[in-house]
Amino acid sequence: MSDKRRLARLKRLETVRAVAKQAAAAQAAEAEGTLAQLLALAERTGRLAADYNARTAPEDGDSLRRLAGFRSGLAGVEQATRADARRAQAVADARLHELSQAERRRQAAADRADSLRRAMAARGAQPPLGARKAIGTDLD
């Protein structure tokens, strides 16, 4: 394969890798947003549970039974929310890892293209400029 064709192929590969990196960045941002929401929810649920646990004993047995049931349900919600936040943290970490891998792949493609460009320049070959719009008219 000629150097010009290889360089064009490497430039296309770099473009594809850049698009993949952007997609990975969007997924990482979404995962981080979900994590932030779940952490905020877990913190609010924890405060609510603490507030209800600090309440004094109700006036009658029925109120005590309802309060105990509510506290128990709220504790379950708090545990589930914290578990969801831990899972979201793992997903966010994985997405950030995928983003770093995508950046490494894009950078490797860019480095290979730059290396080929330098090699072509050293041999005196002209690198292709790529598709450019014609400026002016055919009469120029």
Protein backbone atom coordinates (compact mmCIF):
# COMPACT_ATOMS: atom_id res chain seq x y z
CA MET A 1 0.00 0.00 0.00
CA SER A 2 1.37 3.42 -0.86
CA ASP A 3 2.27 5.86 1.87
CA LYS A 4 -0.39 8.31 0.77
CA ARG A 5 -3.09 5.65 1.02
CA ARG A 6 -1.77 4.51 4.40
CA LEU A 7 -1.78 8.09 5.66
CA ALA A 8 -5.34 8.65 4.45
CA ARG A 9 -6.39 5.39 6.10
CA LEU A 10 -4.71 6.42 9.38
CA LYS A 11 -6.45 9.80 9.27
CA ARG A 12 -9.82 8.06 8.80
CA LEU A 13 -8.97 5.73 11.67
CA GLU A 14 -8.10 8.70 13.87
CA THR A 15 -11.46 10.30 13.01
CA VAL A 16 -13.32 7.10 13.87
CA ARG A 17 -11.42 6.83 17.15
CA ALA A 18 -12.23 10.47 17.96
CA VAL A 19 -15.94 9.78 17.44
CA ALA A 20 -15.67 6.70 19.67
CA LYS A 21 -13.96 8.83 22.32
CA GLN A 22 -16.78 11.39 22.17
CA ALA A 23 -19.35 8.61 22.61
CA ALA A 24 -17.40 7.23 25.57
CA ALA A 25 -17.21 10.72 27.08
CA ALA A 26 -20.99 11.13 26.75
CA GLN A 27 -21.57 7.76 28.42
CA ALA A 28 -19.13 8.64 31.21
CA ALA A 29 -20.87 11.97 31.79
CA GLU A 30 -24.26 10.26 31.92
CA ALA A 31 -22.96 7.69 34.42
CA GLU A 32 -21.46 10.44 36.58
CA GLY A 33 -24.77 12.33 36.50
CA THR A 34 -26.68 9.23 37.58
CA LEU A 35 -24.15 8.66 40.36
CA ALA A 36 -24.51 12.24 41.60
CA GLN A 37 -28.31 11.93 41.66
CA LEU A 38 -28.18 8.64 43.57
CA LEU A 39 -25.66 9.98 46.08
CA ALA A 40 -27.86 13.02 46.70
CA LEU A 41 -30.90 10.77 47.09
CA ALA A 42 -29.05 8.47 49.49
CA GLU A 43 -27.97 11.45 51.57
CA ARG A 44 -31.52 12.88 51.70
CA THR A 45 -32.93 9.46 52.59
CA GLY A 46 -30.33 9.09 55.35
CA ARG A 47 -31.24 12.49 56.79
CA LEU A 48 -34.93 11.61 56.67
CA ALA A 49 -34.28 8.29 58.42
CA ALA A 50 -32.20 10.05 61.09
CA ASP A 51 -34.97 12.59 61.64
CA TYR A 52 -37.57 9.86 62.13
CA ASN A 53 -35.26 7.86 64.42
CA ALA A 54 -34.81 10.95 66.61
CA ARG A 55 -38.54 11.34 67.19
CA THR A 56 -39.79 10.68 70.70
CA ALA A 57 -42.21 7.92 71.55
CA PRO A 58 -45.71 8.45 70.18
CA GLU A 59 -48.74 8.87 72.41
CA ASP A 60 -50.42 5.53 71.81
CA GLY A 61 -49.61 2.00 70.65
CA ASP A 62 -51.07 2.40 67.18
CA SER A 63 -48.92 5.45 66.47
CA LEU A 64 -45.89 3.58 67.80
CA ARG A 65 -46.62 0.62 65.49
CA ARG A 66 -47.04 2.90 62.45
CA LEU A 67 -43.87 4.84 63.28
CA ALA A 68 -41.88 1.62 63.71
CA GLY A 69 -43.20 0.31 60.38
CA PHE A 70 -42.37 3.58 58.66
CA ARG A 71 -38.86 3.61 60.15
CA SER A 72 -38.33 0.05 58.99
CA GLY A 73 -39.51 0.84 55.46
CA LEU A 74 -37.40 3.97 55.35
CA ALA A 75 -34.34 1.98 56.46
CA GLY A 76 -34.98 -0.46 53.61
CA VAL A 77 -35.24 2.40 51.12
CA GLU A 78 -32.02 3.88 52.47
CA GLN A 79 -30.17 0.57 52.11
CA ALA A 80 -31.49 0.06 48.57
CA THR A 81 -30.52 3.61 47.59
CA ARG A 82 -27.01 3.17 48.96
CA ALA A 83 -26.69 -0.14 47.08
CA ASP A 84 -27.85 1.59 43.88
CA ALA A 85 -25.27 4.33 44.48
CA ARG A 86 -22.51 1.70 44.89
CA ARG A 87 -23.56 0.07 41.61
CA ALA A 88 -23.68 3.48 39.91
CA GLN A 89 -20.16 4.18 41.22
CA ALA A 90 -18.93 0.95 39.65
CA VAL A 91 -20.63 1.82 36.35
CA ALA A 92 -19.18 5.35 36.40
CA ASP A 93 -15.70 3.98 37.09
CA ALA A 94 -16.06 1.53 34.20
CA ARG A 95 -17.21 4.30 31.85
CA LEU A 96 -14.25 6.48 32.85
CA HIS A 97 -11.94 3.53 32.18
CA GLU A 98 -13.55 3.07 28.75
CA LEU A 99 -13.06 6.78 28.09
CA SER A 100 -9.36 6.57 28.93
CA GLN A 101 -8.99 3.53 26.67
CA ALA A 102 -10.75 5.36 23.84
CA GLU A 103 -8.41 8.32 24.28
CA ARG A 104 -5.38 6.00 24.21
CA ARG A 105 -6.63 4.36 20.99
CA ARG A 106 -7.26 7.76 19.39
CA GLN A 107 -3.84 9.01 20.45
CA ALA A 108 -2.17 5.87 19.10
CA ALA A 109 -3.83 6.39 15.71
CA ALA A 110 -2.78 10.05 15.72
CA ASP A 111 0.78 9.11 16.65
CA ARG A 112 0.97 6.55 13.83
CA ALA A 113 -0.31 9.15 11.35
CA ASP A 114 2.20 11.72 12.59
CA SER A 115 5.00 9.19 12.38
CA LEU A 116 4.09 8.31 8.81
CA ARG A 117 3.82 12.01 7.93
CA ARG A 118 7.32 12.62 9.32
CA ALA A 119 8.70 9.61 7.45
CA MET A 120 7.13 10.82 4.22
CA ALA A 121 8.53 14.32 4.77
CA ALA A 122 11.96 12.87 5.42
CA ARG A 123 11.78 11.01 2.09
CA GLY A 124 10.57 14.13 0.34
CA ALA A 125 7.08 12.84 -0.40
CA GLN A 126 4.19 15.27 -0.12
CA PRO A 127 1.46 14.20 2.32
CA PRO A 128 -2.04 14.43 0.90
CA LEU A 129 -3.85 17.54 1.95
CA GLY A 130 -7.21 15.83 1.95
CA ALA A 131 -10.34 16.90 0.20
CA ARG A 132 -10.49 20.65 -0.08
CA LYS A 133 -13.08 22.87 -1.58
CA ALA A 134 -11.94 24.63 -4.68
CA ILE A 135 -11.52 28.34 -4.17
CA GLY A 136 -12.54 30.64 -6.97
CA THR A 137 -13.65 29.51 -10.37
CA ASP A 138 -12.11 27.46 -13.16
CA LEU A 139 -11.32 30.74 -14.94
CA ASP A 140 -8.68 31.75 -12.37
